[in-house]
Amino acid sequence: MASYLDFEKNIQQIDEDIINAQIKGDTEAVSILKKNLEKEISKTYKNLSDFQRLQLARHPDRPYALDYIELILNDAHEIHGDRAFRDDPAIVCFMGYLGEKKIIVIGEQKGRGTKDKIARNFGMPHPEGYRKALRVARLAEKFQIPILFLIDTPGAYPGIGAEERGQSEAIARNLYELSDLKIPTIAIVIGEGGSGGALAIGVADKLAMMKNSVFSVISPEGCAAILWNDPAKSEAATKAMKVTADDLKSQGLIDDVIDEPTNGAHRNKEATAVAIADYVKKSLNELENIDVRELSANRMQKILKLGAYQEA
């Protein structure tokens, strides 16, 4: 059963009316209602607020990394473990083919359903997850296979065990190592890009965001709690923080924005997967014509420019 957000109530009502008309066999009513639905979808999604885009980024039906991997990869094989502590299910790694191109995909996976969410720690990786990602990235470099990173996490897990096992070191190590990989790399924020938890697999030659994704140093709720001592002011915080894909593109912090279906990626996963695959293929065609040493140097310059400004 489809899930609806607060601002989608009119869409929900029309969807329910369509189902009732179909049950009654009223084809004329179904045709009229479908036209009304198209108009309502266009009206609702034409001018979404930043907070509404945040809600879409967190939508329970939104495609996760494994959904896209299943849709875009052929002959996919999963790679497990960090070879030091354990396998972290919050990070998934696959080797396969995108069309005829060999590729490795490393993604953050939130999980669906209570058991899966708990098993995957709600998409909050432990240090062993980031070390697994780095191990697989080194494997990709060894065999000269490009990497696609799929970012979707509220943040790295802040628990005591994670800190004891070196969470900050694992993130810092990934930033250091991934910035110097001698292979083409692409990172896409597919849902939430939460702080260091996202950056740990977000250092790449191309950084893109889905149209309804967000990327920020802290959650809007956390920002509101710190600044105003009131998590309920998260809507104002979302606007002030400039967390949307369009905001980050306008500030030069990301390279590209990938369009989604009008009413969100969760309404048409297949079309969204095609958009991602097309973007990755196009980007790889560009990057594969650049010497790997130049790629590494360009990546480092790109990182060093972040936050730099000139006084007027």
C-alpha atoms as a PDB file:
ATOM      1  CA  MET A   1       0.000   0.000   0.000  1.00  0.00           C
ATOM      2  CA  ALA A   2       1.339   3.421  -0.970  1.00  0.00           C
ATOM      3  CA  SER A   3       2.386   5.867   1.748  1.00  0.00           C
ATOM      4  CA  TYR A   4       1.402   9.531   1.512  1.00  0.00           C
ATOM      5  CA  LEU A   5       2.916  12.635   3.068  1.00  0.00           C
ATOM      6  CA  ASP A   6       0.857  15.435   4.613  1.00  0.00           C
ATOM      7  CA  PHE A   7       1.059  17.605   1.506  1.00  0.00           C
ATOM      8  CA  GLU A   8      -0.096  14.680  -0.674  1.00  0.00           C
ATOM      9  CA  LYS A   9      -3.566  14.323   0.885  1.00  0.00           C
ATOM     10  CA  ASN A  10      -5.388  15.504  -2.249  1.00  0.00           C
ATOM     11  CA  ILE A  11      -3.405  13.024  -4.336  1.00  0.00           C
ATOM     12  CA  GLN A  12      -4.262  10.269  -1.879  1.00  0.00           C
ATOM     13  CA  GLN A  13      -7.970  11.072  -2.118  1.00  0.00           C
ATOM     14  CA  ILE A  14      -7.949  10.929  -5.922  1.00  0.00           C
ATOM     15  CA  ASP A  15      -5.982   7.645  -5.860  1.00  0.00           C
ATOM     16  CA  GLU A  16      -8.622   6.166  -3.556  1.00  0.00           C
ATOM     17  CA  ASP A  17     -11.410   7.453  -5.801  1.00  0.00           C
ATOM     18  CA  ILE A  18      -9.743   5.796  -8.799  1.00  0.00           C
ATOM     19  CA  ILE A  19      -9.563   2.467  -6.973  1.00  0.00           C
ATOM     20  CA  ASN A  20     -13.245   2.687  -6.021  1.00  0.00           C
ATOM     21  CA  ALA A  21     -14.216   3.563  -9.606  1.00  0.00           C
ATOM     22  CA  GLN A  22     -12.185   0.613 -10.913  1.00  0.00           C
ATOM     23  CA  ILE A  23     -13.931  -1.735  -8.486  1.00  0.00           C
ATOM     24  CA  LYS A  24     -17.303  -0.487  -9.734  1.00  0.00           C
ATOM     25  CA  GLY A  25     -16.167  -0.858 -13.348  1.00  0.00           C
ATOM     26  CA  ASP A  26     -16.845   2.819 -14.102  1.00  0.00           C
ATOM     27  CA  THR A  27     -14.287   3.356 -16.880  1.00  0.00           C
ATOM     28  CA  GLU A  28     -15.466   6.889 -17.661  1.00  0.00           C
ATOM     29  CA  ALA A  29     -14.968   7.987 -14.050  1.00  0.00           C
ATOM     30  CA  VAL A  30     -11.540   6.342 -13.986  1.00  0.00           C
ATOM     31  CA  SER A  31     -10.492   8.275 -17.100  1.00  0.00           C
ATOM     32  CA  ILE A  32     -11.671  11.598 -15.646  1.00  0.00           C
ATOM     33  CA  LEU A  33     -10.058  10.910 -12.272  1.00  0.00           C
ATOM     34  CA  LYS A  34      -6.717  10.021 -13.868  1.00  0.00           C
ATOM     35  CA  LYS A  35      -6.696  13.366 -15.677  1.00  0.00           C
ATOM     36  CA  ASN A  36      -7.518  15.094 -12.383  1.00  0.00           C
ATOM     37  CA  LEU A  37      -4.686  13.153 -10.751  1.00  0.00           C
ATOM     38  CA  GLU A  38      -2.174  14.383 -13.325  1.00  0.00           C
ATOM     39  CA  LYS A  39      -3.252  17.982 -12.724  1.00  0.00           C
ATOM     40  CA  GLU A  40      -3.082  17.581  -8.940  1.00  0.00           C
ATOM     41  CA  ILE A  41       0.379  15.998  -9.099  1.00  0.00           C
ATOM     42  CA  SER A  42       1.645  18.834 -11.305  1.00  0.00           C
ATOM     43  CA  LYS A  43       0.132  21.438  -8.971  1.00  0.00           C
ATOM     44  CA  THR A  44       1.427  19.799  -5.778  1.00  0.00           C
ATOM     45  CA  TYR A  45       4.997  19.236  -6.936  1.00  0.00           C
ATOM     46  CA  LYS A  46       5.464  22.412  -8.958  1.00  0.00           C
ATOM     47  CA  ASN A  47       6.768  24.526  -6.075  1.00  0.00           C
ATOM     48  CA  LEU A  48       7.870  22.217  -3.274  1.00  0.00           C
ATOM     49  CA  SER A  49       9.341  23.839  -0.176  1.00  0.00           C
ATOM     50  CA  ASP A  50      12.729  22.743   1.161  1.00  0.00           C
ATOM     51  CA  PHE A  51      10.981  20.988   4.042  1.00  0.00           C
ATOM     52  CA  GLN A  52       8.746  19.056   1.652  1.00  0.00           C
ATOM     53  CA  ARG A  53      11.810  17.918  -0.286  1.00  0.00           C
ATOM     54  CA  LEU A  54      13.313  16.777   3.025  1.00  0.00           C
ATOM     55  CA  GLN A  55      10.173  14.718   3.624  1.00  0.00           C
ATOM     56  CA  LEU A  56      10.512  13.169   0.166  1.00  0.00           C
ATOM     57  CA  ALA A  57      14.177  12.354   0.832  1.00  0.00           C
ATOM     58  CA  ARG A  58      13.041  10.419   3.910  1.00  0.00           C
ATOM     59  CA  HIS A  59       9.926   8.896   2.336  1.00  0.00           C
ATOM     60  CA  PRO A  60       9.461   5.304   3.604  1.00  0.00           C
ATOM     61  CA  ASP A  61       8.890   4.059   0.048  1.00  0.00           C
ATOM     62  CA  ARG A  62      11.868   5.882  -1.460  1.00  0.00           C
ATOM     63  CA  PRO A  63      14.266   3.585  -3.369  1.00  0.00           C
ATOM     64  CA  TYR A  64      17.342   2.582  -1.403  1.00  0.00           C
ATOM     65  CA  ALA A  65      20.768   1.505  -2.635  1.00  0.00           C
ATOM     66  CA  LEU A  66      19.784  -2.162  -3.009  1.00  0.00           C
ATOM     67  CA  ASP A  67      16.754  -1.197  -5.107  1.00  0.00           C
ATOM     68  CA  TYR A  68      18.946   0.661  -7.578  1.00  0.00           C
ATOM     69  CA  ILE A  69      21.630  -2.033  -7.561  1.00  0.00           C
ATOM     70  CA  GLU A  70      19.008  -4.631  -8.468  1.00  0.00           C
ATOM     71  CA  LEU A  71      17.676  -2.435 -11.277  1.00  0.00           C
ATOM     72  CA  ILE A  72      20.893  -1.179 -12.883  1.00  0.00           C
ATOM     73  CA  LEU A  73      23.491  -3.927 -12.306  1.00  0.00           C
ATOM     74  CA  ASN A  74      23.818  -7.134 -14.302  1.00  0.00           C
ATOM     75  CA  ASP A  75      25.617 -10.231 -12.987  1.00  0.00           C
ATOM     76  CA  ALA A  76      25.945  -8.583  -9.561  1.00  0.00           C
ATOM     77  CA  HIS A  77      27.949 -10.218  -6.771  1.00  0.00           C
ATOM     78  CA  GLU A  78      28.045  -8.873  -3.210  1.00  0.00           C
ATOM     79  CA  ILE A  79      31.319  -8.356  -1.345  1.00  0.00           C
ATOM     80  CA  HIS A  80      31.242  -8.724   2.449  1.00  0.00           C
ATOM     81  CA  GLY A  81      33.385  -7.827   5.436  1.00  0.00           C
ATOM     82  CA  ASP A  82      36.180  -5.455   6.426  1.00  0.00           C
ATOM     83  CA  ARG A  83      38.619  -8.330   7.153  1.00  0.00           C
ATOM     84  CA  ALA A  84      39.235  -6.883  10.610  1.00  0.00           C
ATOM     85  CA  PHE A  85      36.066  -7.003  12.743  1.00  0.00           C
ATOM     86  CA  ARG A  86      32.793  -7.926  10.999  1.00  0.00           C
ATOM     87  CA  ASP A  87      30.491  -7.272   8.077  1.00  0.00           C
ATOM     88  CA  ASP A  88      28.362  -4.140   8.504  1.00  0.00           C
ATOM     89  CA  PRO A  89      25.013  -4.504   6.672  1.00  0.00           C
ATOM     90  CA  ALA A  90      24.563  -0.697   6.691  1.00  0.00           C
ATOM     91  CA  ILE A  91      27.134  -0.601   3.869  1.00  0.00           C
ATOM     92  CA  VAL A  92      26.567  -2.797   0.811  1.00  0.00           C
ATOM     93  CA  CYS A  93      29.184  -3.472  -1.867  1.00  0.00           C
ATOM     94  CA  PHE A  94      28.565  -5.106  -5.232  1.00  0.00           C
ATOM     95  CA  MET A  95      30.621  -5.887  -8.311  1.00  0.00           C
ATOM     96  CA  GLY A  96      28.789  -6.217 -11.608  1.00  0.00           C
ATOM     97  CA  TYR A  97      28.101  -4.728 -15.020  1.00  0.00           C
ATOM     98  CA  LEU A  98      26.377  -1.483 -15.927  1.00  0.00           C
ATOM     99  CA  GLY A  99      25.526  -2.239 -19.518  1.00  0.00           C
ATOM    100  CA  GLU A 100      28.834  -3.597 -20.773  1.00  0.00           C
ATOM    101  CA  LYS A 101      30.978  -1.680 -18.284  1.00  0.00           C
ATOM    102  CA  LYS A 102      32.437  -3.359 -15.209  1.00  0.00           C
ATOM    103  CA  ILE A 103      31.646  -1.320 -12.117  1.00  0.00           C
ATOM    104  CA  ILE A 104      31.709  -1.566  -8.340  1.00  0.00           C
ATOM    105  CA  VAL A 105      28.830  -0.038  -6.381  1.00  0.00           C
ATOM    106  CA  ILE A 106      29.229   0.915  -2.715  1.00  0.00           C
ATOM    107  CA  GLY A 107      26.101   2.162  -0.978  1.00  0.00           C
ATOM    108  CA  GLU A 108      24.484   2.916   2.350  1.00  0.00           C
ATOM    109  CA  GLN A 109      21.366   0.839   3.021  1.00  0.00           C
ATOM    110  CA  LYS A 110      18.676   1.888   5.529  1.00  0.00           C
ATOM    111  CA  GLY A 111      16.583  -1.279   5.418  1.00  0.00           C
ATOM    112  CA  ARG A 112      12.862  -1.967   5.021  1.00  0.00           C
ATOM    113  CA  GLY A 113      10.649  -3.344   7.743  1.00  0.00           C
ATOM    114  CA  THR A 114      11.513  -3.500  11.436  1.00  0.00           C
ATOM    115  CA  LYS A 115      13.897  -6.481  11.339  1.00  0.00           C
ATOM    116  CA  ASP A 116      15.816  -5.230   8.325  1.00  0.00           C
ATOM    117  CA  LYS A 117      16.069  -1.688   9.696  1.00  0.00           C
ATOM    118  CA  ILE A 118      17.503  -3.010  12.962  1.00  0.00           C
ATOM    119  CA  ALA A 119      19.908  -5.337  11.134  1.00  0.00           C
ATOM    120  CA  ARG A 120      21.142  -2.440   8.997  1.00  0.00           C
ATOM    121  CA  ASN A 121      21.134  -0.019  11.937  1.00  0.00           C
ATOM    122  CA  PHE A 122      18.754   2.321  10.070  1.00  0.00           C
ATOM    123  CA  GLY A 123      21.497   3.076   7.546  1.00  0.00           C
ATOM    124  CA  MET A 124      23.959   4.407  10.134  1.00  0.00           C
ATOM    125  CA  PRO A 125      27.284   2.663   9.427  1.00  0.00           C
ATOM    126  CA  HIS A 126      29.749   1.520  12.081  1.00  0.00           C
ATOM    127  CA  PRO A 127      33.494   2.001  11.500  1.00  0.00           C
ATOM    128  CA  GLU A 128      33.741  -1.534  10.121  1.00  0.00           C
ATOM    129  CA  GLY A 129      31.253  -0.495   7.434  1.00  0.00           C
ATOM    130  CA  TYR A 130      33.480   2.341   6.294  1.00  0.00           C
ATOM    131  CA  ARG A 131      36.510   0.047   6.444  1.00  0.00           C
ATOM    132  CA  LYS A 132      34.646  -2.452   4.278  1.00  0.00           C
ATOM    133  CA  ALA A 133      33.921   0.344   1.796  1.00  0.00           C
ATOM    134  CA  LEU A 134      37.603   1.300   1.758  1.00  0.00           C
ATOM    135  CA  ARG A 135      38.705  -2.324   1.297  1.00  0.00           C
ATOM    136  CA  VAL A 136      36.416  -2.672  -1.702  1.00  0.00           C
ATOM    137  CA  ALA A 137      37.551   0.707  -3.081  1.00  0.00           C
ATOM    138  CA  ARG A 138      41.160  -0.486  -2.935  1.00  0.00           C
ATOM    139  CA  LEU A 139      40.096  -3.681  -4.703  1.00  0.00           C
ATOM    140  CA  ALA A 140      38.487  -1.568  -7.425  1.00  0.00           C
ATOM    141  CA  GLU A 141      41.673   0.461  -7.800  1.00  0.00           C
ATOM    142  CA  LYS A 142      43.795  -2.699  -8.022  1.00  0.00           C
ATOM    143  CA  PHE A 143      41.729  -4.028 -10.924  1.00  0.00           C
ATOM    144  CA  GLN A 144      41.016  -0.590 -12.465  1.00  0.00           C
ATOM    145  CA  ILE A 145      37.248  -0.801 -12.046  1.00  0.00           C
ATOM    146  CA  PRO A 146      35.313   2.493 -11.627  1.00  0.00           C
ATOM    147  CA  ILE A 147      33.220   3.031  -8.498  1.00  0.00           C
ATOM    148  CA  LEU A 148      29.699   4.337  -7.970  1.00  0.00           C
ATOM    149  CA  PHE A 149      28.921   5.465  -4.414  1.00  0.00           C
ATOM    150  CA  LEU A 150      25.241   5.664  -3.402  1.00  0.00           C
ATOM    151  CA  ILE A 151      24.843   7.938  -0.372  1.00  0.00           C
ATOM    152  CA  ASP A 152      21.808   7.571   1.895  1.00  0.00           C
ATOM    153  CA  THR A 153      22.319   7.903   5.642  1.00  0.00           C
ATOM    154  CA  PRO A 154      21.140  10.087   8.527  1.00  0.00           C
ATOM    155  CA  GLY A 155      24.766   9.948   9.699  1.00  0.00           C
ATOM    156  CA  ALA A 156      27.498   7.663  10.977  1.00  0.00           C
ATOM    157  CA  TYR A 157      26.462   5.668  14.054  1.00  0.00           C
ATOM    158  CA  PRO A 158      27.414   7.642  17.213  1.00  0.00           C
ATOM    159  CA  GLY A 159      27.248   4.717  19.683  1.00  0.00           C
ATOM    160  CA  ILE A 160      29.890   3.902  22.300  1.00  0.00           C
ATOM    161  CA  GLY A 161      31.028   0.742  20.513  1.00  0.00           C
ATOM    162  CA  ALA A 162      31.475   2.613  17.246  1.00  0.00           C
ATOM    163  CA  GLU A 163      33.544   5.281  18.983  1.00  0.00           C
ATOM    164  CA  GLU A 164      35.651   2.638  20.742  1.00  0.00           C
ATOM    165  CA  ARG A 165      36.402   0.990  17.400  1.00  0.00           C
ATOM    166  CA  GLY A 166      37.504   4.292  15.856  1.00  0.00           C
ATOM    167  CA  GLN A 167      34.553   5.847  14.049  1.00  0.00           C
ATOM    168  CA  SER A 168      36.257   9.199  13.497  1.00  0.00           C
ATOM    169  CA  GLU A 169      39.472   7.510  12.321  1.00  0.00           C
ATOM    170  CA  ALA A 170      37.548   5.332   9.864  1.00  0.00           C
ATOM    171  CA  ILE A 171      35.803   8.359   8.343  1.00  0.00           C
ATOM    172  CA  ALA A 172      39.025  10.378   8.197  1.00  0.00           C
ATOM    173  CA  ARG A 173      40.886   7.453   6.633  1.00  0.00           C
ATOM    174  CA  ASN A 174      38.249   7.144   3.914  1.00  0.00           C
ATOM    175  CA  LEU A 175      38.419  10.859   3.127  1.00  0.00           C
ATOM    176  CA  TYR A 176      42.196  10.576   2.812  1.00  0.00           C
ATOM    177  CA  GLU A 177      42.292   7.365   0.771  1.00  0.00           C
ATOM    178  CA  LEU A 178      39.315   7.982  -1.529  1.00  0.00           C
ATOM    179  CA  SER A 179      40.644  11.406  -2.499  1.00  0.00           C
ATOM    180  CA  ASP A 180      43.688   9.750  -4.070  1.00  0.00           C
ATOM    181  CA  LEU A 181      42.184   6.714  -5.830  1.00  0.00           C
ATOM    182  CA  LYS A 182      43.609   6.203  -9.325  1.00  0.00           C
ATOM    183  CA  ILE A 183      40.265   5.254 -10.900  1.00  0.00           C
ATOM    184  CA  PRO A 184      37.123   7.150 -11.964  1.00  0.00           C
ATOM    185  CA  THR A 185      34.654   7.609  -9.099  1.00  0.00           C
ATOM    186  CA  ILE A 186      31.086   8.919  -8.997  1.00  0.00           C
ATOM    187  CA  ALA A 187      28.987   9.638  -5.896  1.00  0.00           C
ATOM    188  CA  ILE A 188      25.227  10.216  -5.879  1.00  0.00           C
ATOM    189  CA  VAL A 189      23.109  11.278  -2.904  1.00  0.00           C
ATOM    190  CA  ILE A 190      19.936   9.219  -3.395  1.00  0.00           C
ATOM    191  CA  GLY A 191      18.154  10.210  -0.173  1.00  0.00           C
ATOM    192  CA  GLU A 192      19.741  11.708   2.933  1.00  0.00           C
ATOM    193  CA  GLY A 193      23.353  12.838   2.983  1.00  0.00           C
ATOM    194  CA  GLY A 194      24.055  13.112   6.687  1.00  0.00           C
ATOM    195  CA  SER A 195      27.335  14.794   7.659  1.00  0.00           C
ATOM    196  CA  GLY A 196      30.516  12.698   7.967  1.00  0.00           C
ATOM    197  CA  GLY A 197      28.494   9.553   7.486  1.00  0.00           C
ATOM    198  CA  ALA A 198      27.856  10.673   3.920  1.00  0.00           C
ATOM    199  CA  LEU A 199      31.264  12.232   3.264  1.00  0.00           C
ATOM    200  CA  ALA A 200      32.997   8.949   4.132  1.00  0.00           C
ATOM    201  CA  ILE A 201      31.811   7.534   0.798  1.00  0.00           C
ATOM    202  CA  GLY A 202      31.258  10.887  -0.891  1.00  0.00           C
ATOM    203  CA  VAL A 203      34.727  11.845  -2.126  1.00  0.00           C
ATOM    204  CA  ALA A 204      34.546  11.395  -5.893  1.00  0.00           C
ATOM    205  CA  ASP A 205      35.328  12.897  -9.288  1.00  0.00           C
ATOM    206  CA  LYS A 206      31.629  13.611  -9.796  1.00  0.00           C
ATOM    207  CA  LEU A 207      29.226  14.369  -6.942  1.00  0.00           C
ATOM    208  CA  ALA A 208      25.545  14.482  -7.887  1.00  0.00           C
ATOM    209  CA  MET A 209      22.257  14.581  -5.997  1.00  0.00           C
ATOM    210  CA  MET A 210      18.810  13.315  -6.849  1.00  0.00           C
ATOM    211  CA  LYS A 211      16.332  16.184  -7.231  1.00  0.00           C
ATOM    212  CA  ASN A 212      14.552  15.353  -3.963  1.00  0.00           C
ATOM    213  CA  SER A 213      17.577  14.469  -1.856  1.00  0.00           C
ATOM    214  CA  VAL A 214      19.289  16.487   0.887  1.00  0.00           C
ATOM    215  CA  PHE A 215      22.895  16.912   2.050  1.00  0.00           C
ATOM    216  CA  SER A 216      23.858  18.668   5.279  1.00  0.00           C
ATOM    217  CA  VAL A 217      26.277  18.764   8.187  1.00  0.00           C
ATOM    218  CA  ILE A 218      23.483  18.109  10.708  1.00  0.00           C
ATOM    219  CA  SER A 219      19.815  17.194  10.543  1.00  0.00           C
ATOM    220  CA  PRO A 220      17.359  20.123  10.548  1.00  0.00           C
ATOM    221  CA  GLU A 221      15.918  18.766  13.807  1.00  0.00           C
ATOM    222  CA  GLY A 222      19.367  18.767  15.399  1.00  0.00           C
ATOM    223  CA  CYS A 223      20.063  22.268  14.098  1.00  0.00           C
ATOM    224  CA  ALA A 224      16.759  23.569  15.490  1.00  0.00           C
ATOM    225  CA  ALA A 225      17.419  21.931  18.857  1.00  0.00           C
ATOM    226  CA  ILE A 226      20.863  23.546  19.117  1.00  0.00           C
ATOM    227  CA  LEU A 227      20.026  27.023  17.788  1.00  0.00           C
ATOM    228  CA  TRP A 228      16.512  27.501  19.147  1.00  0.00           C
ATOM    229  CA  ASN A 229      16.239  24.749  21.743  1.00  0.00           C
ATOM    230  CA  ASP A 230      13.164  23.574  19.833  1.00  0.00           C
ATOM    231  CA  PRO A 231      13.290  20.599  17.402  1.00  0.00           C
ATOM    232  CA  ALA A 232       9.797  21.593  16.212  1.00  0.00           C
ATOM    233  CA  LYS A 233      11.389  24.488  14.303  1.00  0.00           C
ATOM    234  CA  SER A 234      12.952  22.026  11.869  1.00  0.00           C
ATOM    235  CA  GLU A 235      11.061  23.524   8.917  1.00  0.00           C
ATOM    236  CA  ALA A 236      12.704  26.921   9.444  1.00  0.00           C
ATOM    237  CA  ALA A 237      16.054  25.209   9.960  1.00  0.00           C
ATOM    238  CA  THR A 238      15.676  23.274   6.702  1.00  0.00           C
ATOM    239  CA  LYS A 239      15.207  26.498   4.759  1.00  0.00           C
ATOM    240  CA  ALA A 240      18.063  28.284   6.522  1.00  0.00           C
ATOM    241  CA  MET A 241      20.527  25.416   6.070  1.00  0.00           C
ATOM    242  CA  LYS A 242      20.205  25.250   2.253  1.00  0.00           C
ATOM    243  CA  VAL A 243      20.180  21.447   2.157  1.00  0.00           C
ATOM    244  CA  THR A 244      18.485  20.756  -1.191  1.00  0.00           C
ATOM    245  CA  ALA A 245      20.114  19.675  -4.443  1.00  0.00           C
ATOM    246  CA  ASP A 246      19.344  22.984  -6.158  1.00  0.00           C
ATOM    247  CA  ASP A 247      20.805  24.959  -3.238  1.00  0.00           C
ATOM    248  CA  LEU A 248      24.029  22.970  -3.223  1.00  0.00           C
ATOM    249  CA  LYS A 249      24.362  23.140  -7.006  1.00  0.00           C
ATOM    250  CA  SER A 250      23.960  26.929  -6.946  1.00  0.00           C
ATOM    251  CA  GLN A 251      26.748  27.142  -4.351  1.00  0.00           C
ATOM    252  CA  GLY A 252      29.072  24.967  -6.419  1.00  0.00           C
ATOM    253  CA  LEU A 253      29.206  22.222  -3.799  1.00  0.00           C
ATOM    254  CA  ILE A 254      27.934  19.487  -6.125  1.00  0.00           C
ATOM    255  CA  ASP A 255      28.405  18.896  -9.838  1.00  0.00           C
ATOM    256  CA  ASP A 256      24.967  17.838 -11.044  1.00  0.00           C
ATOM    257  CA  VAL A 257      21.301  17.349 -10.124  1.00  0.00           C
ATOM    258  CA  ILE A 258      19.582  14.206 -11.428  1.00  0.00           C
ATOM    259  CA  ASP A 259      15.888  14.628 -12.173  1.00  0.00           C
ATOM    260  CA  GLU A 260      13.263  12.342 -10.655  1.00  0.00           C
ATOM    261  CA  PRO A 261       9.707  11.545 -11.763  1.00  0.00           C
ATOM    262  CA  THR A 262       7.430  14.521 -11.030  1.00  0.00           C
ATOM    263  CA  ASN A 263       5.936  12.955  -7.898  1.00  0.00           C
ATOM    264  CA  GLY A 264       9.166  11.499  -6.521  1.00  0.00           C
ATOM    265  CA  ALA A 265      11.513   8.566  -7.074  1.00  0.00           C
ATOM    266  CA  HIS A 266       9.306   6.274  -4.978  1.00  0.00           C
ATOM    267  CA  ARG A 267       6.446   6.531  -7.500  1.00  0.00           C
ATOM    268  CA  ASN A 268       8.552   5.181 -10.368  1.00  0.00           C
ATOM    269  CA  LYS A 269      11.698   3.376  -9.239  1.00  0.00           C
ATOM    270  CA  GLU A 270      12.419   2.000 -12.691  1.00  0.00           C
ATOM    271  CA  ALA A 271      12.445   5.424 -14.374  1.00  0.00           C
ATOM    272  CA  THR A 272      14.643   6.809 -11.596  1.00  0.00           C
ATOM    273  CA  ALA A 273      17.066   3.900 -11.968  1.00  0.00           C
ATOM    274  CA  VAL A 274      17.294   4.595 -15.706  1.00  0.00           C
ATOM    275  CA  ALA A 275      18.111   8.258 -14.970  1.00  0.00           C
ATOM    276  CA  ILE A 276      20.879   7.187 -12.579  1.00  0.00           C
ATOM    277  CA  ALA A 277      22.289   4.640 -15.020  1.00  0.00           C
ATOM    278  CA  ASP A 278      22.308   7.183 -17.851  1.00  0.00           C
ATOM    279  CA  TYR A 279      24.091   9.736 -15.657  1.00  0.00           C
ATOM    280  CA  VAL A 280      26.720   7.212 -14.573  1.00  0.00           C
ATOM    281  CA  LYS A 281      27.369   6.033 -18.141  1.00  0.00           C
ATOM    282  CA  LYS A 282      27.715   9.612 -19.388  1.00  0.00           C
ATOM    283  CA  SER A 283      30.032  10.547 -16.515  1.00  0.00           C
ATOM    284  CA  LEU A 284      32.211   7.461 -16.990  1.00  0.00           C
ATOM    285  CA  ASN A 285      32.594   8.247 -20.682  1.00  0.00           C
ATOM    286  CA  GLU A 286      33.951  11.668 -19.683  1.00  0.00           C
ATOM    287  CA  LEU A 287      36.172  10.465 -16.836  1.00  0.00           C
ATOM    288  CA  GLU A 288      37.684   7.491 -18.645  1.00  0.00           C
ATOM    289  CA  ASN A 289      39.296   9.872 -21.154  1.00  0.00           C
ATOM    290  CA  ILE A 290      41.265  11.577 -18.371  1.00  0.00           C
ATOM    291  CA  ASP A 291      44.573  10.182 -17.090  1.00  0.00           C
ATOM    292  CA  VAL A 292      44.113   8.628 -13.628  1.00  0.00           C
ATOM    293  CA  ARG A 293      46.852  10.802 -12.119  1.00  0.00           C
ATOM    294  CA  GLU A 294      45.083  13.874 -13.444  1.00  0.00           C
ATOM    295  CA  LEU A 295      41.798  12.576 -12.002  1.00  0.00           C
ATOM    296  CA  SER A 296      43.407  12.276  -8.578  1.00  0.00           C
ATOM    297  CA  ALA A 297      44.922  15.767  -8.797  1.00  0.00           C
ATOM    298  CA  ASN A 298      41.630  17.297  -9.959  1.00  0.00           C
ATOM    299  CA  ARG A 299      39.777  15.565  -7.142  1.00  0.00           C
ATOM    300  CA  MET A 300      42.161  17.004  -4.574  1.00  0.00           C
ATOM    301  CA  GLN A 301      41.846  20.529  -6.002  1.00  0.00           C
ATOM    302  CA  LYS A 302      38.084  20.191  -5.932  1.00  0.00           C
ATOM    303  CA  ILE A 303      38.187  19.302  -2.233  1.00  0.00           C
ATOM    304  CA  LEU A 304      40.578  22.123  -1.360  1.00  0.00           C
ATOM    305  CA  LYS A 305      38.287  24.690  -3.007  1.00  0.00           C
ATOM    306  CA  LEU A 306      35.344  23.803  -0.766  1.00  0.00           C
ATOM    307  CA  GLY A 307      34.630  26.629   1.643  1.00  0.00           C
ATOM    308  CA  ALA A 308      37.139  28.965  -0.016  1.00  0.00           C
ATOM    309  CA  TYR A 309      36.029  32.493  -0.821  1.00  0.00           C
ATOM    310  CA  GLN A 310      37.411  35.866  -1.881  1.00  0.00           C
ATOM    311  CA  GLU A 311      36.714  39.063   0.000  1.00  0.00           C
ATOM    312  CA  ALA A 312      35.283  41.857  -2.137  1.00  0.00           C
END
